[in-house]
Amino acid sequence: MVDISLNFSLILQIINFLVLTVLLNYLVYKPLRKIISEREALFDSLKHEADTAKLMIEEGESTSAKQRDEVLVEGTGIIKRYTLEGRDKEQAIIAESHHETTLRITEARASLAAAVNEARRDLKSEAESLSRTLVEKILGRSLAS
């Protein structure tokens, strides 16, 4: 059988182990745990910043979509307004043109009627003169008026 005896070397080895554990804890494990916790904090802060940036991007996209829709609606309204204004101006121009044309036709008819009346008077006077001349030549004598 194996005989286990407690001697001085065993106690020294236990003390050596405890000292080594304490030294490793202060020299290696605590700084390593500190670095790991700092990195975790850094990763958490970076994740938080990334989430915040993602939210800001989503808000920006929704805002730009709303602005785009508002601009589209406003542009459509402007197009409709100018289309209606153009139609109104077109109707006004057509009405004015129709009025001017009617006036010019009326003036032309009046001028034509005056010219026809003047031509008739001239023709009547020339016809009377020509008839008188013809009658005088046929009768061979002058007609007294």
Protein backbone atom coordinates (compact mmCIF):
# COMPACT_ATOMS: atom_id res chain seq x y z
CA MET A 1 0.00 0.00 0.00
CA VAL A 2 0.86 3.52 -0.49
CA ASP A 3 1.76 5.35 2.54
CA ILE A 4 0.91 9.07 2.56
CA SER A 5 2.75 11.11 5.01
CA LEU A 6 2.49 14.76 5.69
CA ASN A 7 5.86 16.23 5.65
CA PHE A 8 7.39 19.60 5.25
CA SER A 9 7.73 19.41 1.44
CA LEU A 10 4.02 18.92 1.02
CA ILE A 11 3.33 22.02 3.07
CA LEU A 12 5.88 23.94 1.00
CA GLN A 13 4.24 22.80 -2.21
CA ILE A 14 0.81 23.92 -0.93
CA ILE A 15 2.24 27.31 0.06
CA ASN A 16 4.01 27.52 -3.32
CA PHE A 17 0.73 26.72 -5.09
CA LEU A 18 -1.17 29.33 -3.11
CA VAL A 19 1.50 31.98 -3.72
CA LEU A 20 1.58 31.12 -7.41
CA THR A 21 -2.22 31.31 -7.59
CA VAL A 22 -2.26 34.70 -5.87
CA LEU A 23 0.55 36.01 -8.10
CA LEU A 24 -1.10 34.70 -11.26
CA ASN A 25 -4.38 36.22 -10.15
CA TYR A 26 -2.84 39.69 -9.65
CA LEU A 27 -0.39 39.60 -12.54
CA VAL A 28 -2.33 37.73 -15.24
CA TYR A 29 -5.96 37.02 -14.53
CA LYS A 30 -7.07 40.42 -13.20
CA PRO A 31 -5.46 42.41 -16.07
CA LEU A 32 -6.81 39.87 -18.55
CA ARG A 33 -10.32 40.14 -17.06
CA LYS A 34 -9.99 43.94 -17.09
CA ILE A 35 -9.01 43.92 -20.80
CA ILE A 36 -11.86 41.54 -21.60
CA SER A 37 -14.40 43.72 -19.74
CA GLU A 38 -13.04 46.85 -21.51
CA ARG A 39 -13.41 45.12 -24.86
CA GLU A 40 -16.93 44.03 -23.99
CA ALA A 41 -17.75 47.60 -22.99
CA LEU A 42 -16.21 48.85 -26.25
CA PHE A 43 -18.18 46.30 -28.28
CA ASP A 44 -21.35 47.26 -26.41
CA SER A 45 -20.78 50.96 -27.07
CA LEU A 46 -19.99 50.25 -30.74
CA LYS A 47 -23.12 48.12 -31.01
CA HIS A 48 -25.13 50.92 -29.39
CA GLU A 49 -23.63 53.47 -31.82
CA ALA A 50 -24.38 51.14 -34.75
CA ASP A 51 -27.97 50.73 -33.57
CA THR A 52 -28.30 54.50 -33.14
CA ALA A 53 -26.86 55.08 -36.62
CA LYS A 54 -29.23 52.48 -38.04
CA LEU A 55 -32.19 54.23 -36.40
CA MET A 56 -30.98 57.58 -37.72
CA ILE A 57 -30.69 56.12 -41.22
CA GLU A 58 -34.18 54.66 -41.00
CA GLU A 59 -35.54 57.99 -39.77
CA GLY A 60 -33.69 59.78 -42.56
CA GLU A 61 -35.09 57.37 -45.12
CA SER A 62 -38.63 57.80 -43.81
CA THR A 63 -38.17 61.58 -43.71
CA SER A 64 -36.81 61.65 -47.23
CA ALA A 65 -39.66 59.42 -48.39
CA LYS A 66 -42.17 61.79 -46.77
CA GLN A 67 -40.44 64.81 -48.32
CA ARG A 68 -40.38 63.08 -51.71
CA ASP A 69 -44.10 62.36 -51.43
CA GLU A 70 -44.80 65.94 -50.36
CA VAL A 71 -42.76 67.31 -53.26
CA LEU A 72 -44.54 64.95 -55.64
CA VAL A 73 -47.93 66.08 -54.38
CA GLU A 74 -46.86 69.73 -54.54
CA GLY A 75 -45.47 69.28 -58.05
CA THR A 76 -48.66 67.59 -59.19
CA GLY A 77 -50.66 70.48 -57.72
CA ILE A 78 -48.47 73.02 -59.50
CA ILE A 79 -48.87 71.15 -62.79
CA LYS A 80 -52.65 71.05 -62.36
CA ARG A 81 -52.77 74.74 -61.41
CA TYR A 82 -50.72 75.80 -64.42
CA THR A 83 -52.74 73.50 -66.67
CA LEU A 84 -55.96 75.14 -65.48
CA GLU A 85 -54.44 78.61 -65.84
CA GLY A 86 -53.32 77.70 -69.35
CA ARG A 87 -56.80 76.49 -70.24
CA ASP A 88 -58.33 79.68 -68.85
CA LYS A 89 -55.88 81.82 -70.84
CA GLU A 90 -56.55 79.71 -73.92
CA GLN A 91 -60.30 80.26 -73.54
CA ALA A 92 -59.75 83.99 -73.02
CA ILE A 93 -57.53 84.23 -76.10
CA ILE A 94 -60.03 82.25 -78.18
CA ALA A 95 -62.91 84.45 -76.98
CA GLU A 96 -60.93 87.62 -77.71
CA SER A 97 -59.93 86.32 -81.12
CA HIS A 98 -63.55 85.38 -81.89
CA HIS A 99 -64.67 88.85 -80.82
CA GLU A 100 -62.01 90.55 -82.98
CA THR A 101 -62.89 88.34 -85.94
CA THR A 102 -66.58 89.16 -85.56
CA LEU A 103 -65.77 92.90 -85.43
CA ARG A 104 -63.56 92.68 -88.50
CA ILE A 105 -66.19 90.71 -90.43
CA THR A 106 -68.84 93.30 -89.44
CA GLU A 107 -66.52 96.14 -90.52
CA ALA A 108 -65.72 94.35 -93.78
CA ARG A 109 -69.41 93.78 -94.51
CA ALA A 110 -70.20 97.43 -93.79
CA SER A 111 -67.29 98.55 -95.97
CA LEU A 112 -68.37 96.17 -98.72
CA ALA A 113 -71.97 97.37 -98.50
CA ALA A 114 -70.80 101.00 -98.72
CA ALA A 115 -68.60 100.15 -101.72
CA VAL A 116 -71.49 98.29 -103.40
CA ASN A 117 -73.83 101.25 -102.79
CA GLU A 118 -71.22 103.67 -104.15
CA ALA A 119 -70.65 101.43 -107.17
CA ARG A 120 -74.41 101.26 -107.77
CA ARG A 121 -74.69 105.05 -107.62
CA ASP A 122 -71.76 105.41 -109.97
CA LEU A 123 -73.22 102.81 -112.32
CA LYS A 124 -76.65 104.42 -112.15
CA SER A 125 -75.21 107.82 -112.89
CA GLU A 126 -73.09 106.43 -115.73
CA ALA A 127 -76.06 104.43 -117.03
CA GLU A 128 -78.23 107.55 -117.01
CA SER A 129 -75.53 109.55 -118.71
CA LEU A 130 -74.95 106.81 -121.26
CA SER A 131 -78.72 106.42 -121.83
CA ARG A 132 -79.14 110.14 -122.32
CA THR A 133 -76.25 110.21 -124.78
CA LEU A 134 -77.67 107.25 -126.63
CA VAL A 135 -81.19 108.74 -126.77
CA GLU A 136 -79.80 112.04 -128.02
CA LYS A 137 -77.87 110.28 -130.76
CA ILE A 138 -80.85 108.24 -131.77
CA LEU A 139 -83.23 111.19 -131.79
CA GLY A 140 -80.61 113.51 -133.12
CA ARG A 141 -81.45 116.26 -130.77
CA SER A 142 -80.53 117.27 -127.25
CA LEU A 143 -82.77 116.41 -124.31
CA ALA A 144 -83.55 119.11 -121.85
CA SER A 145 -83.34 118.11 -118.25
